[in-house]
Amino acid sequence: MKQATLAALALAAVLPSGAGAQPFTGADLQKSCATPATAQVCIAYMRGAVSMYEAVVAEAKDVVWFCPPVDGDPAALRKLYLDWAQENPAGLAQPAMGAVKAMLQDAFACSD
């Protein structure tokens, strides 16, 4: 619970707010991941995305978007995202959560 709270606070520091705010895009997340000063925010966002997925799966067992490794390194997600962003520039215009989902699906596709 403490990690989730810290992740939420870190995200609140970088996400736009207010009625006229622009959505946080995949490109915005790429900038955050590529900048050493905000790399921890990037990692927190990735952890939050995976935690959200785990919560969805806990409620709806038939939902399978990707199959993450059990003992994955959250910092490795940052590199995976940067690599994915470089290979998929068109995907960066979508909301960041959609870009992260696409990256996770590419990186951790489930085998049948």
C-alpha atoms as a PDB file:
ATOM      1  CA  MET A   1       0.000   0.000   0.000  1.00  0.00           C
ATOM      2  CA  LYS A   2       2.852   2.354   0.817  1.00  0.00           C
ATOM      3  CA  GLN A   3       4.390   1.786  -2.653  1.00  0.00           C
ATOM      4  CA  ALA A   4       1.063   2.533  -4.330  1.00  0.00           C
ATOM      5  CA  THR A   5       0.755   5.787  -2.393  1.00  0.00           C
ATOM      6  CA  LEU A   6       4.290   6.823  -3.297  1.00  0.00           C
ATOM      7  CA  ALA A   7       3.674   5.964  -6.939  1.00  0.00           C
ATOM      8  CA  ALA A   8       0.480   8.021  -6.950  1.00  0.00           C
ATOM      9  CA  LEU A   9       2.293  11.001  -5.443  1.00  0.00           C
ATOM     10  CA  ALA A  10       5.116  10.720  -7.956  1.00  0.00           C
ATOM     11  CA  LEU A  11       2.653  10.581 -10.820  1.00  0.00           C
ATOM     12  CA  ALA A  12       0.714  13.545  -9.493  1.00  0.00           C
ATOM     13  CA  ALA A  13       3.905  15.578  -9.609  1.00  0.00           C
ATOM     14  CA  VAL A  14       4.302  15.107 -13.365  1.00  0.00           C
ATOM     15  CA  LEU A  15       0.792  14.565 -14.671  1.00  0.00           C
ATOM     16  CA  PRO A  16      -1.141  17.609 -15.861  1.00  0.00           C
ATOM     17  CA  SER A  17      -4.215  18.624 -13.918  1.00  0.00           C
ATOM     18  CA  GLY A  18      -7.092  21.009 -14.369  1.00  0.00           C
ATOM     19  CA  ALA A  19      -9.815  21.486 -16.954  1.00  0.00           C
ATOM     20  CA  GLY A  20      -7.508  22.628 -19.745  1.00  0.00           C
ATOM     21  CA  ALA A  21      -4.777  20.076 -19.081  1.00  0.00           C
ATOM     22  CA  GLN A  22      -3.461  18.022 -21.955  1.00  0.00           C
ATOM     23  CA  PRO A  23      -3.429  14.245 -21.465  1.00  0.00           C
ATOM     24  CA  PHE A  24      -0.161  12.611 -20.417  1.00  0.00           C
ATOM     25  CA  THR A  25       0.920  10.887 -23.633  1.00  0.00           C
ATOM     26  CA  GLY A  26       3.304   8.129 -24.532  1.00  0.00           C
ATOM     27  CA  ALA A  27       5.690  10.826 -25.766  1.00  0.00           C
ATOM     28  CA  ASP A  28       5.523  12.574 -22.386  1.00  0.00           C
ATOM     29  CA  LEU A  29       6.349   9.292 -20.670  1.00  0.00           C
ATOM     30  CA  GLN A  30       9.222   8.726 -23.095  1.00  0.00           C
ATOM     31  CA  LYS A  31      10.694  12.103 -22.109  1.00  0.00           C
ATOM     32  CA  SER A  32      10.312  11.222 -18.436  1.00  0.00           C
ATOM     33  CA  CYS A  33      11.992   7.846 -18.945  1.00  0.00           C
ATOM     34  CA  ALA A  34      14.836   9.336 -20.988  1.00  0.00           C
ATOM     35  CA  THR A  35      15.669  12.050 -18.444  1.00  0.00           C
ATOM     36  CA  PRO A  36      17.821  10.860 -15.520  1.00  0.00           C
ATOM     37  CA  ALA A  37      16.222  13.384 -13.152  1.00  0.00           C
ATOM     38  CA  THR A  38      12.748  11.910 -13.754  1.00  0.00           C
ATOM     39  CA  ALA A  39      13.688   8.260 -14.322  1.00  0.00           C
ATOM     40  CA  GLN A  40      12.193   7.282 -10.952  1.00  0.00           C
ATOM     41  CA  VAL A  41       8.879   8.851 -11.975  1.00  0.00           C
ATOM     42  CA  CYS A  42       8.985   6.738 -15.128  1.00  0.00           C
ATOM     43  CA  ILE A  43       9.619   3.589 -13.094  1.00  0.00           C
ATOM     44  CA  ALA A  44       6.802   4.502 -10.685  1.00  0.00           C
ATOM     45  CA  TYR A  45       4.436   4.944 -13.637  1.00  0.00           C
ATOM     46  CA  MET A  46       5.419   1.521 -14.994  1.00  0.00           C
ATOM     47  CA  ARG A  47       4.933  -0.092 -11.584  1.00  0.00           C
ATOM     48  CA  GLY A  48       1.535   1.563 -11.343  1.00  0.00           C
ATOM     49  CA  ALA A  49       0.546   0.257 -14.765  1.00  0.00           C
ATOM     50  CA  VAL A  50       1.513  -3.298 -13.835  1.00  0.00           C
ATOM     51  CA  SER A  51      -0.258  -2.979 -10.463  1.00  0.00           C
ATOM     52  CA  MET A  52      -3.397  -1.757 -12.212  1.00  0.00           C
ATOM     53  CA  TYR A  53      -3.245  -4.744 -14.564  1.00  0.00           C
ATOM     54  CA  GLU A  54      -2.816  -7.122 -11.618  1.00  0.00           C
ATOM     55  CA  ALA A  55      -5.866  -5.573  -9.914  1.00  0.00           C
ATOM     56  CA  VAL A  56      -7.955  -5.981 -13.071  1.00  0.00           C
ATOM     57  CA  VAL A  57      -6.859  -9.599 -13.477  1.00  0.00           C
ATOM     58  CA  ALA A  58      -7.692 -10.320  -9.830  1.00  0.00           C
ATOM     59  CA  GLU A  59     -11.279  -9.190 -10.491  1.00  0.00           C
ATOM     60  CA  ALA A  60     -11.735 -10.564 -14.009  1.00  0.00           C
ATOM     61  CA  LYS A  61      -9.806 -13.817 -14.362  1.00  0.00           C
ATOM     62  CA  ASP A  62     -10.493 -14.031 -18.115  1.00  0.00           C
ATOM     63  CA  VAL A  63      -8.556 -10.803 -18.849  1.00  0.00           C
ATOM     64  CA  VAL A  64      -5.086 -11.484 -20.235  1.00  0.00           C
ATOM     65  CA  TRP A  65      -3.288  -8.560 -21.846  1.00  0.00           C
ATOM     66  CA  PHE A  66       0.260  -9.798 -21.279  1.00  0.00           C
ATOM     67  CA  CYS A  67       2.212 -12.284 -19.154  1.00  0.00           C
ATOM     68  CA  PRO A  68       4.811 -10.400 -17.096  1.00  0.00           C
ATOM     69  CA  PRO A  69       7.661 -12.310 -15.467  1.00  0.00           C
ATOM     70  CA  VAL A  70       7.075 -13.137 -11.817  1.00  0.00           C
ATOM     71  CA  ASP A  71      10.325 -11.609 -10.584  1.00  0.00           C
ATOM     72  CA  GLY A  72      10.770  -8.776 -13.081  1.00  0.00           C
ATOM     73  CA  ASP A  73      12.974  -5.782 -12.371  1.00  0.00           C
ATOM     74  CA  PRO A  74      10.850  -2.595 -12.429  1.00  0.00           C
ATOM     75  CA  ALA A  75      13.865  -0.555 -13.557  1.00  0.00           C
ATOM     76  CA  ALA A  76      14.159  -2.815 -16.603  1.00  0.00           C
ATOM     77  CA  LEU A  77      10.711  -1.635 -17.700  1.00  0.00           C
ATOM     78  CA  ARG A  78      12.183   1.817 -18.266  1.00  0.00           C
ATOM     79  CA  LYS A  79      14.662   0.470 -20.822  1.00  0.00           C
ATOM     80  CA  LEU A  80      12.002  -1.701 -22.425  1.00  0.00           C
ATOM     81  CA  TYR A  81       9.765   1.338 -22.812  1.00  0.00           C
ATOM     82  CA  LEU A  82      12.517   3.485 -24.298  1.00  0.00           C
ATOM     83  CA  ASP A  83      13.352   0.728 -26.794  1.00  0.00           C
ATOM     84  CA  TRP A  84       9.663   0.239 -27.637  1.00  0.00           C
ATOM     85  CA  ALA A  85       9.162   4.002 -28.069  1.00  0.00           C
ATOM     86  CA  GLN A  86      12.066   4.208 -30.492  1.00  0.00           C
ATOM     87  CA  GLU A  87      10.635   1.335 -32.558  1.00  0.00           C
ATOM     88  CA  ASN A  88       7.005   2.534 -32.361  1.00  0.00           C
ATOM     89  CA  PRO A  89       6.941   6.341 -32.702  1.00  0.00           C
ATOM     90  CA  ALA A  90       3.327   6.323 -33.906  1.00  0.00           C
ATOM     91  CA  GLY A  91       2.280   4.767 -30.587  1.00  0.00           C
ATOM     92  CA  LEU A  92       3.568   7.743 -28.619  1.00  0.00           C
ATOM     93  CA  ALA A  93       0.634  10.004 -29.515  1.00  0.00           C
ATOM     94  CA  GLN A  94      -1.800   7.909 -27.482  1.00  0.00           C
ATOM     95  CA  PRO A  95      -2.316   8.283 -23.730  1.00  0.00           C
ATOM     96  CA  ALA A  96       0.673   6.994 -21.772  1.00  0.00           C
ATOM     97  CA  MET A  97      -1.283   4.113 -20.252  1.00  0.00           C
ATOM     98  CA  GLY A  98      -2.144   2.850 -23.741  1.00  0.00           C
ATOM     99  CA  ALA A  99       1.489   3.094 -24.806  1.00  0.00           C
ATOM    100  CA  VAL A 100       2.609   1.189 -21.701  1.00  0.00           C
ATOM    101  CA  LYS A 101      -0.007  -1.500 -22.337  1.00  0.00           C
ATOM    102  CA  ALA A 102       1.183  -1.873 -25.954  1.00  0.00           C
ATOM    103  CA  MET A 103       4.805  -2.096 -24.820  1.00  0.00           C
ATOM    104  CA  LEU A 104       3.975  -4.713 -22.191  1.00  0.00           C
ATOM    105  CA  GLN A 105       1.986  -6.744 -24.724  1.00  0.00           C
ATOM    106  CA  ASP A 106       4.945  -6.674 -27.130  1.00  0.00           C
ATOM    107  CA  ALA A 107       7.550  -7.435 -24.473  1.00  0.00           C
ATOM    108  CA  PHE A 108       5.609 -10.063 -22.523  1.00  0.00           C
ATOM    109  CA  ALA A 109       3.336 -11.758 -25.027  1.00  0.00           C
ATOM    110  CA  CYS A 110       1.670 -14.838 -23.570  1.00  0.00           C
ATOM    111  CA  SER A 111       2.518 -18.178 -25.135  1.00  0.00           C
ATOM    112  CA  ASP A 112      -0.305 -20.587 -25.846  1.00  0.00           C
END
